[in-house]
Amino acid sequence: MRDVEAEDTEDKYSAIKLNGNPITELCYADDTALLSKTTEGLNELMQNVKKVSQNKNLLLNAKKTKVMDSDKSPASSILIDNEALESVTHFNYLGANIEADGR
């Protein structure tokens, strides 16, 4: 039987599955990668991170936050405080280059 919380997370954020478990974030030190199968799910994740961060007196820096879509089309616009996040086709995460095509 599936965990109800995991099922809610999977549905709410269109989570990526890893070994059958919904995954919405990868965290290491002060780096976080948010994962979703849909732009809407990613937008909701971003808004929730922003809300929780603000409750702890932390602010998201929209200029340092990037969005990458693994589909061939460019990522749809995600906004933080009415500022669009930069859409990229590759980025460096923990010393590894991540490409939009999966390489």
N, C-alpha and C. Protein backbone atom coordinates (compact mmCIF):
# COMPACT_ATOMS: atom_id res chain seq x y z
N MET A 1 0.84 -1.18 0.00
CA MET A 1 0.00 0.00 0.00
C MET A 1 0.88 1.24 0.00
N ARG A 2 0.50 2.23 -0.78
CA ARG A 2 1.29 3.45 -0.91
C ARG A 2 1.04 4.40 0.24
N ASP A 3 2.06 5.16 0.58
CA ASP A 3 1.98 6.18 1.60
C ASP A 3 1.11 7.32 1.09
N VAL A 4 0.10 7.74 1.86
CA VAL A 4 -0.81 8.79 1.43
C VAL A 4 -0.06 10.10 1.22
N GLU A 5 0.89 10.43 2.10
CA GLU A 5 1.66 11.67 1.95
C GLU A 5 2.46 11.65 0.66
N ALA A 6 3.08 10.52 0.35
CA ALA A 6 3.85 10.40 -0.90
C ALA A 6 2.92 10.56 -2.10
N GLU A 7 1.73 9.98 -2.02
CA GLU A 7 0.77 10.09 -3.11
C GLU A 7 0.33 11.54 -3.29
N ASP A 8 0.08 12.25 -2.17
CA ASP A 8 -0.31 13.66 -2.25
C ASP A 8 0.80 14.48 -2.89
N THR A 9 2.05 14.24 -2.48
CA THR A 9 3.20 14.96 -3.03
C THR A 9 3.31 14.72 -4.52
N GLU A 10 3.18 13.46 -4.92
CA GLU A 10 3.29 13.10 -6.34
C GLU A 10 2.24 13.82 -7.16
N ASP A 11 1.00 13.84 -6.68
CA ASP A 11 -0.09 14.48 -7.41
C ASP A 11 0.02 16.00 -7.40
N LYS A 12 0.30 16.58 -6.24
CA LYS A 12 0.31 18.03 -6.08
C LYS A 12 1.40 18.69 -6.91
N TYR A 13 2.59 18.10 -6.94
CA TYR A 13 3.72 18.73 -7.60
C TYR A 13 4.15 18.02 -8.88
N SER A 14 3.40 17.03 -9.33
CA SER A 14 3.80 16.23 -10.49
C SER A 14 5.23 15.74 -10.32
N ALA A 15 5.48 15.11 -9.19
CA ALA A 15 6.83 14.71 -8.79
C ALA A 15 7.43 13.69 -9.75
N ILE A 16 8.76 13.73 -9.83
CA ILE A 16 9.55 12.75 -10.56
C ILE A 16 9.63 11.51 -9.66
N LYS A 17 9.57 10.31 -10.24
CA LYS A 17 9.68 9.09 -9.43
C LYS A 17 11.08 8.50 -9.54
N LEU A 18 11.61 8.10 -8.40
CA LEU A 18 12.89 7.41 -8.32
C LEU A 18 12.66 6.16 -7.49
N ASN A 19 12.82 4.98 -8.11
CA ASN A 19 12.51 3.71 -7.46
C ASN A 19 11.09 3.69 -6.91
N GLY A 20 10.16 4.30 -7.63
CA GLY A 20 8.76 4.31 -7.23
C GLY A 20 8.39 5.36 -6.21
N ASN A 21 9.36 6.13 -5.72
CA ASN A 21 9.10 7.16 -4.72
C ASN A 21 9.09 8.54 -5.36
N PRO A 22 8.11 9.38 -5.00
CA PRO A 22 8.07 10.72 -5.58
C PRO A 22 9.20 11.58 -5.01
N ILE A 23 9.94 12.25 -5.88
CA ILE A 23 11.05 13.12 -5.49
C ILE A 23 10.76 14.52 -6.04
N THR A 24 10.74 15.52 -5.15
CA THR A 24 10.51 16.89 -5.59
C THR A 24 11.72 17.78 -5.37
N GLU A 25 12.72 17.29 -4.62
CA GLU A 25 13.89 18.14 -4.38
C GLU A 25 15.13 17.30 -4.11
N LEU A 26 16.27 17.86 -4.51
CA LEU A 26 17.57 17.32 -4.19
C LEU A 26 18.31 18.44 -3.46
N CYS A 27 18.80 18.17 -2.27
CA CYS A 27 19.43 19.21 -1.46
C CYS A 27 20.83 18.79 -1.05
N TYR A 28 21.74 19.76 -1.08
CA TYR A 28 23.09 19.55 -0.59
C TYR A 28 23.62 20.90 -0.14
N ALA A 29 23.98 20.99 1.14
CA ALA A 29 24.46 22.25 1.73
C ALA A 29 23.46 23.35 1.42
N ASP A 30 23.88 24.41 0.73
CA ASP A 30 22.95 25.50 0.42
C ASP A 30 22.43 25.45 -1.01
N ASP A 31 22.60 24.31 -1.69
CA ASP A 31 22.09 24.13 -3.04
C ASP A 31 20.85 23.24 -3.01
N THR A 32 19.85 23.62 -3.79
CA THR A 32 18.64 22.82 -3.90
C THR A 32 18.21 22.76 -5.36
N ALA A 33 17.86 21.58 -5.81
CA ALA A 33 17.27 21.41 -7.14
C ALA A 33 15.84 20.93 -6.93
N LEU A 34 14.87 21.68 -7.47
CA LEU A 34 13.46 21.29 -7.39
C LEU A 34 13.10 20.55 -8.66
N LEU A 35 12.33 19.48 -8.52
CA LEU A 35 12.00 18.62 -9.66
C LEU A 35 10.50 18.48 -9.81
N SER A 36 10.02 18.61 -11.04
CA SER A 36 8.61 18.41 -11.33
C SER A 36 8.47 18.02 -12.80
N LYS A 37 7.42 17.28 -13.11
CA LYS A 37 7.15 16.91 -14.50
C LYS A 37 6.40 18.01 -15.25
N THR A 38 5.86 19.00 -14.50
CA THR A 38 5.08 20.07 -15.15
C THR A 38 5.55 21.44 -14.69
N THR A 39 5.32 22.44 -15.52
CA THR A 39 5.63 23.82 -15.15
C THR A 39 4.77 24.25 -13.97
N GLU A 40 3.52 23.83 -13.97
CA GLU A 40 2.61 24.20 -12.88
C GLU A 40 3.10 23.62 -11.55
N GLY A 41 3.55 22.37 -11.58
CA GLY A 41 4.08 21.74 -10.37
C GLY A 41 5.33 22.44 -9.88
N LEU A 42 6.22 22.81 -10.80
CA LEU A 42 7.44 23.52 -10.44
C LEU A 42 7.12 24.89 -9.86
N ASN A 43 6.17 25.57 -10.47
CA ASN A 43 5.77 26.89 -9.97
C ASN A 43 5.24 26.77 -8.54
N GLU A 44 4.42 25.77 -8.28
CA GLU A 44 3.88 25.58 -6.93
C GLU A 44 4.99 25.25 -5.94
N LEU A 45 5.94 24.41 -6.34
CA LEU A 45 7.09 24.12 -5.48
C LEU A 45 7.85 25.39 -5.15
N MET A 46 8.12 26.22 -6.17
CA MET A 46 8.85 27.47 -5.95
C MET A 46 8.12 28.39 -5.00
N GLN A 47 6.82 28.50 -5.17
CA GLN A 47 6.04 29.38 -4.29
C GLN A 47 6.05 28.86 -2.84
N ASN A 48 6.00 27.54 -2.67
CA ASN A 48 6.05 26.96 -1.33
C ASN A 48 7.42 27.17 -0.69
N VAL A 49 8.50 27.00 -1.46
CA VAL A 49 9.85 27.25 -0.94
C VAL A 49 9.97 28.71 -0.53
N LYS A 50 9.46 29.61 -1.36
CA LYS A 50 9.51 31.04 -1.05
C LYS A 50 8.77 31.33 0.25
N LYS A 51 7.58 30.77 0.41
CA LYS A 51 6.76 31.01 1.60
C LYS A 51 7.45 30.50 2.86
N VAL A 52 7.94 29.27 2.82
CA VAL A 52 8.62 28.69 3.98
C VAL A 52 9.89 29.46 4.30
N SER A 53 10.63 29.86 3.27
CA SER A 53 11.86 30.63 3.47
C SER A 53 11.55 31.96 4.15
N GLN A 54 10.54 32.65 3.67
CA GLN A 54 10.19 33.95 4.25
C GLN A 54 9.78 33.80 5.71
N ASN A 55 9.10 32.69 6.05
CA ASN A 55 8.71 32.46 7.44
C ASN A 55 9.93 32.31 8.35
N LYS A 56 11.08 31.98 7.77
CA LYS A 56 12.33 31.84 8.53
C LYS A 56 13.28 33.00 8.26
N ASN A 57 12.72 34.10 7.73
CA ASN A 57 13.49 35.31 7.41
C ASN A 57 14.60 35.06 6.40
N LEU A 58 14.36 34.17 5.45
CA LEU A 58 15.29 33.92 4.35
C LEU A 58 14.61 34.37 3.06
N LEU A 59 15.40 34.89 2.14
CA LEU A 59 14.84 35.35 0.87
C LEU A 59 15.45 34.59 -0.29
N LEU A 60 14.62 34.28 -1.28
CA LEU A 60 15.12 33.67 -2.51
C LEU A 60 15.69 34.77 -3.39
N ASN A 61 16.83 34.50 -4.00
CA ASN A 61 17.45 35.45 -4.91
C ASN A 61 17.07 35.03 -6.33
N ALA A 62 16.13 35.76 -6.92
CA ALA A 62 15.64 35.42 -8.27
C ALA A 62 16.76 35.51 -9.31
N LYS A 63 17.76 36.36 -9.08
CA LYS A 63 18.86 36.50 -10.04
C LYS A 63 19.79 35.28 -10.02
N LYS A 64 19.84 34.57 -8.92
CA LYS A 64 20.70 33.38 -8.81
C LYS A 64 19.93 32.08 -9.07
N THR A 65 18.62 32.16 -9.19
CA THR A 65 17.78 30.98 -9.37
C THR A 65 17.53 30.75 -10.85
N LYS A 66 17.76 29.52 -11.31
CA LYS A 66 17.63 29.17 -12.73
C LYS A 66 16.56 28.10 -12.90
N VAL A 67 15.98 28.06 -14.09
CA VAL A 67 14.99 27.05 -14.45
C VAL A 67 15.49 26.32 -15.69
N MET A 68 15.42 24.99 -15.66
CA MET A 68 15.81 24.22 -16.85
C MET A 68 14.73 23.18 -17.12
N ASP A 69 14.31 23.11 -18.36
CA ASP A 69 13.32 22.14 -18.80
C ASP A 69 14.05 21.05 -19.58
N SER A 70 13.81 19.79 -19.22
CA SER A 70 14.49 18.70 -19.92
C SER A 70 13.81 18.35 -21.24
N ASP A 71 12.68 19.01 -21.53
CA ASP A 71 12.02 18.84 -22.82
C ASP A 71 12.78 19.67 -23.85
N LYS A 72 12.49 19.49 -25.11
CA LYS A 72 13.20 20.24 -26.15
C LYS A 72 12.76 21.70 -26.22
N SER A 73 11.59 22.01 -25.68
CA SER A 73 11.12 23.40 -25.71
C SER A 73 11.67 24.15 -24.49
N PRO A 74 11.81 25.47 -24.60
CA PRO A 74 12.32 26.24 -23.46
C PRO A 74 11.33 26.20 -22.30
N ALA A 75 11.87 26.33 -21.09
CA ALA A 75 11.03 26.30 -19.90
C ALA A 75 10.07 27.48 -19.90
N SER A 76 8.86 27.23 -19.43
CA SER A 76 7.90 28.31 -19.29
C SER A 76 8.33 29.22 -18.15
N SER A 77 7.80 30.40 -18.15
CA SER A 77 8.20 31.40 -17.17
C SER A 77 7.74 31.04 -15.75
N ILE A 78 8.67 31.06 -14.82
CA ILE A 78 8.40 30.89 -13.40
C ILE A 78 8.75 32.23 -12.77
N LEU A 79 7.84 32.76 -11.93
CA LEU A 79 8.04 34.07 -11.33
C LEU A 79 8.28 33.97 -9.83
N ILE A 80 9.17 34.83 -9.34
CA ILE A 80 9.36 35.05 -7.91
C ILE A 80 9.23 36.55 -7.71
N ASP A 81 8.26 36.96 -6.93
CA ASP A 81 8.00 38.39 -6.71
C ASP A 81 7.93 39.16 -8.03
N ASN A 82 7.19 38.62 -8.97
CA ASN A 82 6.97 39.22 -10.30
C ASN A 82 8.24 39.34 -11.13
N GLU A 83 9.28 38.62 -10.77
CA GLU A 83 10.52 38.61 -11.55
C GLU A 83 10.68 37.22 -12.16
N ALA A 84 10.79 37.16 -13.48
CA ALA A 84 10.93 35.88 -14.17
C ALA A 84 12.31 35.27 -13.89
N LEU A 85 12.32 33.97 -13.61
CA LEU A 85 13.58 33.27 -13.40
C LEU A 85 14.21 32.96 -14.76
N GLU A 86 15.53 33.02 -14.82
CA GLU A 86 16.25 32.77 -16.06
C GLU A 86 16.10 31.30 -16.47
N SER A 87 15.78 31.07 -17.73
CA SER A 87 15.68 29.73 -18.28
C SER A 87 17.01 29.36 -18.93
N VAL A 88 17.58 28.21 -18.57
CA VAL A 88 18.88 27.79 -19.09
C VAL A 88 18.77 26.41 -19.74
N THR A 89 19.75 26.09 -20.58
CA THR A 89 19.79 24.77 -21.22
C THR A 89 20.83 23.86 -20.57
N HIS A 90 21.65 24.42 -19.67
CA HIS A 90 22.61 23.62 -18.91
C HIS A 90 23.03 24.41 -17.67
N PHE A 91 23.46 23.67 -16.64
CA PHE A 91 23.99 24.33 -15.46
C PHE A 91 24.91 23.38 -14.72
N ASN A 92 25.67 23.94 -13.80
CA ASN A 92 26.60 23.16 -13.00
C ASN A 92 25.99 22.94 -11.63
N TYR A 93 25.85 21.68 -11.22
CA TYR A 93 25.30 21.34 -9.90
C TYR A 93 26.30 20.43 -9.21
N LEU A 94 26.88 20.90 -8.11
CA LEU A 94 27.85 20.14 -7.32
C LEU A 94 29.01 19.65 -8.18
N GLY A 95 29.47 20.49 -9.08
CA GLY A 95 30.62 20.17 -9.91
C GLY A 95 30.31 19.37 -11.16
N ALA A 96 29.05 19.01 -11.37
CA ALA A 96 28.67 18.25 -12.56
C ALA A 96 27.88 19.14 -13.51
N ASN A 97 28.19 19.07 -14.79
CA ASN A 97 27.42 19.81 -15.80
C ASN A 97 26.18 19.01 -16.14
N ILE A 98 25.03 19.64 -16.02
CA ILE A 98 23.74 19.02 -16.32
C ILE A 98 23.20 19.68 -17.59
N GLU A 99 22.88 18.87 -18.59
CA GLU A 99 22.37 19.37 -19.86
C GLU A 99 20.86 19.09 -19.95
N ALA A 100 20.14 19.95 -20.65
CA ALA A 100 18.69 19.80 -20.80
C ALA A 100 18.31 18.49 -21.48
N ASP A 101 19.21 17.95 -22.32
CA ASP A 101 18.89 16.71 -23.02
C ASP A 101 19.23 15.46 -22.19
N GLY A 102 19.62 15.67 -20.93
CA GLY A 102 19.89 14.53 -20.04
C GLY A 102 21.35 14.17 -19.88
N ARG A 103 22.21 14.75 -20.70
CA ARG A 103 23.65 14.45 -20.56
C ARG A 103 24.20 15.14 -19.34
